[in-house]
Amino acid sequence: MTLSKIKIILASVALAASGLASAQQQTLLNVSYDVAREFYKDINAAFVPWYKKTAGKDVKIEQSHAGSSAQARAVADGLDADVVTMNTTTDVEFLADKGVVAKDWAKRFPHNAAPTSSTMLFLVRNGNPKGIKDWDDLVKPGVQVVVVNPKTGGNGRYAYLAAWGSVRKKGGTDAQAADFVSKLYKNVPVLARGGRDATTAFLQRNIGDVLITFESEVESVNREFGAGKVDVVYPSVSIRADNPVAVVERTVAKKGTADLAKAYLNFLYTPEGQEIAARHYIRPSDPAVLKKYASTFKPITIFPVEELFGSLSQAQKVHFNDGGQFDKLYTAK
C-alpha cells in the first residue's frame, strides 16, 4: 500500500470519528428572558464540565434571550427550545396551555420549579441627581421613568405590579393604586421591549432619570458599562419575582434530550448553580447560599404576587390582557 493511500485511509477514519463524536454531542437550547444572558453564560460554562464529569457526555449549550413573553410566543410558534427559563409563571403556563411543556411543570422541580427569584429596584444616574428614594418620587413632575412594556416582558409586569402593590401595602385602595400607576406611566417617555432594551435606553441613549428593573441587572450594568455609572435605590417595598423553569416536552421528545434538559435545570439547584445566581444578584432558593450572600441582598420588604393579586395568571387577566387595567391606564406617547 502506498503512503498516499495510507494517508487517505487515515484521513477517512479521522473524519468518520469526528462525525461520530459530533453526532454523539447533544446540543441544548435554553430560551430565556432578556436580562439573564450573563447569568446563563456562567451557568453554561460551569454545567458543561459538570455534565461531562457526572454523565460522561460532551454537550453544547446555546442561549436565546429577549422579552420573556416574546420568547414564550416564539417557543409556542415552533422555536425548538429544550428548556425555558423565564421570569414569570404566566409565560410557562402559556406554554403548558399550548401543550408545549407539561401541565404539571411546577411540580417537576423544587420550589414550584423556581430555582431563583429577584425583586424590582431602581437604578438612577450617578449621584442620584433627582433625589429618588421611593415609589412616590417616580410620579413627581420632571422625573422620567424607563420601564419595560408589561405586555412584552415579565420585567415590565413585575414593575407594574410592584408599583401597584406599593400603594396597597401602605393601606391604599385599588382605586388609589390605579391612580398612582396612571401617574407613573405618564412619566414614562417610551416603553422598552425587554429588560436589556430598557437598560440600553437608560445608559446608552441617556433616556430617563430612573430605570425600574430586576435586582439582578445591577451586576450586568456594572459588568457591561463599568462600576459607578449608576446608583442603586432600594424602595421601601417591592415584589418577589420568581424565575420559573421547565422542560419543553415537545422538543426533547423529538431530539432525545430529555435527560440532558432535566440535568441542566437540576444543576440550577446545586450549590454551584445557586452560588453563580448569587454572584449575579439573583436570589438563590437555597437558604444557606442566601445567608452567605446576605450583604448582597439588602433588607427590603418583599411581598409575593399571591398576597395582593391572587396569582400571576389572575393579574394577567385583570391587568395585562387586551382591554385590561394597563390598557385603561396607559396612553401611548
Protein backbone atom coordinates (compact mmCIF):
# COMPACT_ATOMS: atom_id res chain seq x y z
CA MET A 1 0.00 0.00 0.00
CA THR A 2 1.39 3.37 -0.97
CA LEU A 3 1.93 6.17 1.50
CA SER A 4 -0.67 8.34 -0.22
CA LYS A 5 -3.33 5.59 0.13
CA ILE A 6 -2.49 5.20 3.82
CA LYS A 7 -2.91 8.94 4.30
CA ILE A 8 -6.28 8.84 2.56
CA ILE A 9 -7.46 5.94 4.75
CA LEU A 10 -6.28 7.66 7.95
CA ALA A 11 -7.98 10.89 6.91
CA SER A 12 -11.21 8.99 6.25
CA VAL A 13 -11.04 7.30 9.66
CA ALA A 14 -10.40 10.63 11.37
CA LEU A 15 -13.32 12.22 9.52
CA ALA A 16 -15.61 9.36 10.47
CA ALA A 17 -14.54 9.58 14.11
CA SER A 18 -15.12 13.32 14.06
CA GLY A 19 -18.57 12.81 12.60
CA LEU A 20 -19.38 10.19 15.24
CA ALA A 21 -18.25 12.48 18.03
CA SER A 22 -20.30 15.29 16.57
CA ALA A 23 -23.33 13.02 16.35
CA GLN A 24 -22.85 11.94 19.97
CA GLN A 25 -22.59 15.50 21.25
CA GLN A 26 -26.02 16.78 22.18
CA THR A 27 -27.00 20.41 21.88
CA LEU A 28 -29.39 22.09 24.29
CA LEU A 29 -31.15 25.38 23.63
CA ASN A 30 -32.12 27.46 26.65
CA VAL A 31 -34.70 30.10 25.75
CA SER A 32 -34.70 32.72 28.46
CA TYR A 33 -35.59 36.27 29.42
CA ASP A 34 -33.69 39.37 28.46
CA VAL A 35 -31.53 40.30 31.43
CA ALA A 36 -30.42 36.74 32.26
CA ARG A 37 -27.92 36.35 29.42
CA GLU A 38 -24.77 36.92 31.51
CA PHE A 39 -26.04 34.66 34.28
CA TYR A 40 -26.63 31.79 31.87
CA LYS A 41 -23.28 32.31 30.18
CA ASP A 42 -21.70 31.49 33.53
CA ILE A 43 -24.14 28.66 34.23
CA ASN A 44 -23.35 27.10 30.85
CA ALA A 45 -19.60 27.38 31.39
CA ALA A 46 -19.99 25.52 34.70
CA PHE A 47 -22.57 23.00 33.52
CA VAL A 48 -20.65 21.61 30.53
CA PRO A 49 -17.72 20.21 32.58
CA TRP A 50 -20.11 19.19 35.39
CA TYR A 51 -22.20 17.15 32.95
CA LYS A 52 -19.10 15.63 31.41
CA LYS A 53 -17.95 14.56 34.87
CA THR A 54 -21.32 13.25 36.07
CA ALA A 55 -22.75 11.81 32.83
CA GLY A 56 -19.59 11.28 30.79
CA LYS A 57 -21.00 13.16 27.82
CA ASP A 58 -19.99 16.26 25.88
CA VAL A 59 -22.71 18.84 25.38
CA LYS A 60 -23.10 22.22 23.74
CA ILE A 61 -25.41 24.80 25.30
CA GLU A 62 -26.97 27.56 23.22
CA GLN A 63 -28.82 30.61 24.54
CA SER A 64 -31.66 32.78 23.27
CA HIS A 65 -32.72 35.95 25.10
CA ALA A 66 -35.46 38.55 24.62
CA GLY A 67 -38.55 39.77 26.45
CA SER A 68 -39.98 36.84 28.42
CA SER A 69 -43.42 36.87 26.83
CA ALA A 70 -41.99 37.32 23.34
CA GLN A 71 -39.78 34.28 23.99
CA ALA A 72 -42.73 32.22 25.17
CA ARG A 73 -44.62 33.06 21.99
CA ALA A 74 -41.59 32.14 19.87
CA VAL A 75 -41.39 28.73 21.54
CA ALA A 76 -45.13 28.21 21.09
CA ASP A 77 -44.71 29.09 17.42
CA GLY A 78 -42.03 26.44 16.92
CA LEU A 79 -38.67 27.64 18.29
CA ASP A 80 -37.01 24.37 19.35
CA ALA A 81 -36.08 25.20 22.94
CA ASP A 82 -35.12 22.22 25.10
CA VAL A 83 -35.75 24.27 28.24
CA VAL A 84 -37.35 27.58 29.06
CA THR A 85 -36.05 29.67 31.97
CA MET A 86 -38.47 32.55 32.32
CA ASN A 87 -39.13 35.34 34.81
CA THR A 88 -42.90 34.95 35.15
CA THR A 89 -45.01 31.85 35.71
CA THR A 90 -47.62 33.10 33.25
CA ASP A 91 -45.21 32.62 30.36
CA VAL A 92 -44.65 28.99 31.32
CA GLU A 93 -48.38 28.47 31.95
CA PHE A 94 -49.00 29.85 28.47
CA LEU A 95 -46.72 27.12 27.07
CA ALA A 96 -48.43 24.49 29.23
CA ASP A 97 -51.80 25.55 27.82
CA LYS A 98 -50.34 25.12 24.34
CA GLY A 99 -49.18 21.59 25.22
CA VAL A 100 -45.53 22.54 24.78
CA VAL A 101 -44.50 21.95 28.41
CA ALA A 102 -46.06 19.55 30.91
CA LYS A 103 -49.32 20.57 32.59
CA ASP A 104 -47.74 19.84 35.98
CA TRP A 105 -44.47 21.63 35.14
CA ALA A 106 -44.44 23.44 38.50
CA LYS A 107 -44.23 20.09 40.33
CA ARG A 108 -41.34 18.74 38.27
CA PHE A 109 -38.65 20.70 40.15
CA PRO A 110 -38.29 22.07 43.72
CA HIS A 111 -39.76 25.38 44.93
CA ASN A 112 -42.57 25.24 42.36
CA ALA A 113 -39.93 24.95 39.64
CA ALA A 114 -38.37 28.29 40.59
CA PRO A 115 -34.68 27.80 41.50
CA THR A 116 -34.17 31.55 41.92
CA SER A 117 -36.06 34.80 42.37
CA SER A 118 -35.47 38.53 42.14
CA THR A 119 -37.17 41.78 43.04
CA MET A 120 -37.63 45.18 41.45
CA LEU A 121 -35.50 48.18 42.35
CA PHE A 122 -34.42 51.50 40.85
CA LEU A 123 -31.24 52.40 39.01
CA VAL A 124 -30.57 56.15 38.95
CA ARG A 125 -27.85 58.34 37.50
CA ASN A 126 -24.60 58.52 39.46
CA GLY A 127 -25.13 60.79 42.46
CA ASN A 128 -28.94 60.41 42.23
CA PRO A 129 -29.44 63.98 40.96
CA LYS A 130 -33.25 63.77 41.20
CA GLY A 131 -33.10 62.52 44.81
CA ILE A 132 -35.19 59.42 44.13
CA LYS A 133 -35.73 57.31 47.25
CA ASP A 134 -39.08 55.55 46.90
CA TRP A 135 -42.07 54.93 44.65
CA ASP A 136 -43.70 58.30 45.35
CA ASP A 137 -40.72 60.05 43.79
CA LEU A 138 -41.44 58.43 40.43
CA VAL A 139 -44.63 60.41 39.87
CA LYS A 140 -43.11 63.83 40.56
CA PRO A 141 -43.11 66.37 37.70
CA GLY A 142 -39.93 66.28 35.64
CA VAL A 143 -38.98 62.70 36.55
CA GLN A 144 -38.73 60.37 33.56
CA VAL A 145 -39.08 56.65 34.22
CA VAL A 146 -37.72 53.91 31.96
CA VAL A 147 -39.65 50.67 32.20
CA VAL A 148 -40.44 47.58 30.11
CA ASN A 149 -43.77 47.18 28.35
CA PRO A 150 -45.72 44.76 30.60
CA LYS A 151 -47.26 43.21 27.51
CA THR A 152 -43.91 42.04 26.15
CA GLY A 153 -41.77 41.25 29.19
CA GLY A 154 -42.03 39.90 32.71
CA ASN A 155 -39.69 42.70 33.81
CA GLY A 156 -42.42 45.18 32.90
CA ARG A 157 -45.20 43.19 34.54
CA TYR A 158 -43.34 42.96 37.82
CA ALA A 159 -42.52 46.68 37.73
CA TYR A 160 -46.21 47.49 37.22
CA LEU A 161 -47.35 45.11 39.97
CA ALA A 162 -44.68 46.36 42.37
CA ALA A 163 -45.83 49.94 41.79
CA TRP A 164 -49.46 48.96 42.32
CA GLY A 165 -48.51 46.97 45.42
CA SER A 166 -46.52 49.87 46.88
CA VAL A 167 -49.82 51.71 47.35
CA ARG A 168 -51.76 48.69 48.61
CA LYS A 169 -49.06 47.78 51.15
CA LYS A 170 -49.37 51.26 52.67
CA GLY A 171 -53.10 50.72 53.16
CA GLY A 172 -54.26 52.27 49.90
CA THR A 173 -57.21 51.03 47.86
CA ASP A 174 -57.13 49.59 44.35
CA ALA A 175 -58.58 52.88 43.09
CA GLN A 176 -55.71 54.78 44.69
CA ALA A 177 -53.23 52.27 43.28
CA ALA A 178 -54.70 52.71 39.81
CA ASP A 179 -54.40 56.48 40.11
CA PHE A 180 -50.76 56.20 41.22
CA VAL A 181 -49.79 53.80 38.45
CA SER A 182 -51.52 56.02 35.88
CA LYS A 183 -49.43 58.98 37.04
CA LEU A 184 -46.27 56.87 36.95
CA TYR A 185 -46.81 55.82 33.32
CA LYS A 186 -47.42 59.44 32.35
CA ASN A 187 -43.74 59.90 33.32
CA VAL A 188 -42.66 57.06 31.00
CA PRO A 189 -41.29 58.55 27.74
CA VAL A 190 -41.27 55.23 25.88
CA LEU A 191 -41.93 51.61 26.77
CA ALA A 192 -38.97 49.26 26.26
CA ARG A 193 -39.44 45.83 24.62
CA GLY A 194 -37.43 43.93 27.24
CA GLY A 195 -35.10 44.39 30.18
CA ARG A 196 -31.95 44.74 28.12
CA ASP A 197 -33.66 47.19 25.77
CA ALA A 198 -34.62 49.27 28.83
CA THR A 199 -31.07 49.25 30.18
CA THR A 200 -29.68 50.27 26.78
CA ALA A 201 -32.18 53.13 26.55
CA PHE A 202 -31.20 54.34 30.02
CA LEU A 203 -27.42 54.03 29.76
CA GLN A 204 -26.54 54.27 26.07
CA ARG A 205 -29.26 56.59 24.84
CA ASN A 206 -29.43 58.52 28.14
CA ILE A 207 -33.21 58.38 28.28
CA GLY A 208 -34.84 58.94 31.66
CA ASP A 209 -33.85 59.61 35.24
CA VAL A 210 -34.65 56.23 36.76
CA LEU A 211 -34.82 52.66 35.47
CA ILE A 212 -37.14 50.17 37.18
CA THR A 213 -35.58 46.75 36.71
CA PHE A 214 -34.63 43.47 38.32
CA GLU A 215 -32.12 43.47 41.14
CA SER A 216 -30.03 41.14 39.00
CA GLU A 217 -29.50 43.85 36.38
CA VAL A 218 -27.18 45.72 38.76
CA GLU A 219 -24.36 43.25 38.14
CA SER A 220 -24.97 43.29 34.38
CA VAL A 221 -24.75 47.08 34.29
CA ASN A 222 -21.55 47.15 36.34
CA ARG A 223 -20.00 44.50 34.13
CA GLU A 224 -21.02 45.97 30.78
CA PHE A 225 -20.87 49.70 31.43
CA GLY A 226 -18.42 49.91 34.33
CA ALA A 227 -18.98 50.42 38.05
CA GLY A 228 -20.09 53.86 39.19
CA LYS A 229 -22.35 54.62 36.22
CA VAL A 230 -25.49 54.22 38.31
CA ASP A 231 -26.63 54.29 41.92
CA VAL A 232 -28.91 51.58 43.25
CA VAL A 233 -32.05 52.61 45.14
CA TYR A 234 -33.98 50.01 47.12
CA PRO A 235 -37.58 51.18 47.58
CA SER A 236 -39.33 50.60 50.90
CA VAL A 237 -41.38 47.77 49.44
CA SER A 238 -41.17 45.62 46.31
CA ILE A 239 -42.40 42.37 44.82
CA ARG A 240 -40.92 38.88 44.74
CA ALA A 241 -40.31 37.77 41.18
CA ASP A 242 -39.89 34.00 40.91
CA ASN A 243 -37.86 32.67 37.97
CA PRO A 244 -39.68 29.51 36.78
CA VAL A 245 -38.10 26.82 34.63
CA ALA A 246 -39.50 23.96 32.56
CA VAL A 247 -38.52 21.24 30.10
CA VAL A 248 -40.02 21.74 26.63
CA GLU A 249 -41.52 18.29 26.19
CA ARG A 250 -42.23 18.78 22.50
CA THR A 251 -38.58 19.42 21.69
CA VAL A 252 -36.89 16.87 23.96
CA ALA A 253 -39.15 14.11 22.65
CA LYS A 254 -38.07 14.96 19.11
CA LYS A 255 -34.36 15.41 19.89
CA GLY A 256 -33.94 12.77 22.59
CA THR A 257 -32.62 15.36 25.05
CA ALA A 258 -34.98 14.80 27.99
CA ASP A 259 -32.26 13.59 30.37
CA LEU A 260 -29.95 16.44 29.39
CA ALA A 261 -32.71 19.03 29.82
CA LYS A 262 -33.60 17.71 33.29
CA ALA A 263 -29.94 17.64 34.32
CA TYR A 264 -29.48 21.22 33.12
CA LEU A 265 -32.40 22.53 35.16
CA ASN A 266 -31.45 20.44 38.19
CA PHE A 267 -27.96 21.99 38.03
CA LEU A 268 -29.55 25.35 38.82
CA TYR A 269 -30.45 23.97 42.26
CA THR A 270 -26.97 22.66 43.07
CA PRO A 271 -24.76 24.67 45.46
CA GLU A 272 -22.61 25.64 42.45
CA GLY A 273 -25.61 26.82 40.44
CA GLN A 274 -27.00 28.73 43.42
CA GLU A 275 -23.63 30.39 44.03
CA ILE A 276 -23.50 31.55 40.42
CA ALA A 277 -27.00 33.00 40.81
CA ALA A 278 -26.00 34.90 43.96
CA ARG A 279 -22.93 36.33 42.24
CA HIS A 280 -25.26 37.71 39.57
CA TYR A 281 -27.53 39.36 42.17
CA ILE A 282 -30.19 36.72 41.55
CA ARG A 283 -31.66 35.50 44.82
CA PRO A 284 -30.95 31.80 45.42
CA SER A 285 -33.63 29.48 46.80
CA ASP A 286 -31.05 27.63 48.92
CA PRO A 287 -31.24 29.26 52.40
CA ALA A 288 -27.58 28.53 53.12
CA VAL A 289 -26.38 30.29 49.97
CA LEU A 290 -28.79 33.18 50.55
CA LYS A 291 -27.42 33.61 54.09
CA LYS A 292 -23.85 33.53 52.78
CA TYR A 293 -24.67 36.46 50.45
CA ALA A 294 -26.65 38.47 52.99
CA SER A 295 -24.56 41.57 52.23
CA THR A 296 -25.52 41.35 48.54
CA PHE A 297 -29.27 41.12 49.08
CA LYS A 298 -30.28 44.20 51.04
CA PRO A 299 -33.07 44.11 53.62
CA ILE A 300 -36.29 45.10 51.89
CA THR A 301 -39.97 44.34 52.44
CA ILE A 302 -40.87 41.94 49.65
CA PHE A 303 -44.42 40.71 49.06
CA PRO A 304 -45.40 37.70 46.94
CA VAL A 305 -47.72 38.17 43.97
CA GLU A 306 -50.33 35.96 45.63
CA GLU A 307 -50.75 38.36 48.56
CA LEU A 308 -52.31 41.14 46.53
CA PHE A 309 -53.17 39.70 43.12
CA GLY A 310 -54.18 36.07 43.78
CA SER A 311 -51.72 34.75 41.21
CA LEU A 312 -49.82 35.95 38.19
CA SER A 313 -52.46 34.36 35.99
CA GLN A 314 -55.17 36.40 37.68
CA ALA A 315 -53.03 39.53 37.45
CA GLN A 316 -52.54 38.82 33.75
CA LYS A 317 -56.28 38.67 33.13
CA VAL A 318 -57.10 41.76 35.18
CA HIS A 319 -54.16 43.99 34.28
CA PHE A 320 -52.33 42.89 31.13
CA ASN A 321 -54.73 41.17 28.75
CA ASP A 322 -56.13 43.35 25.98
CA GLY A 323 -58.64 45.76 27.46
CA GLY A 324 -57.27 45.24 30.98
CA GLN A 325 -56.19 47.79 33.57
CA PHE A 326 -52.91 48.60 31.86
CA ASP A 327 -54.66 49.47 28.59
CA LYS A 328 -57.03 51.73 30.53
CA LEU A 329 -54.20 53.48 32.39
CA TYR A 330 -51.55 53.84 29.71
CA THR A 331 -51.79 56.17 26.75
CA ALA A 332 -49.02 55.73 24.18
CA LYS A 333 -46.95 58.86 23.60
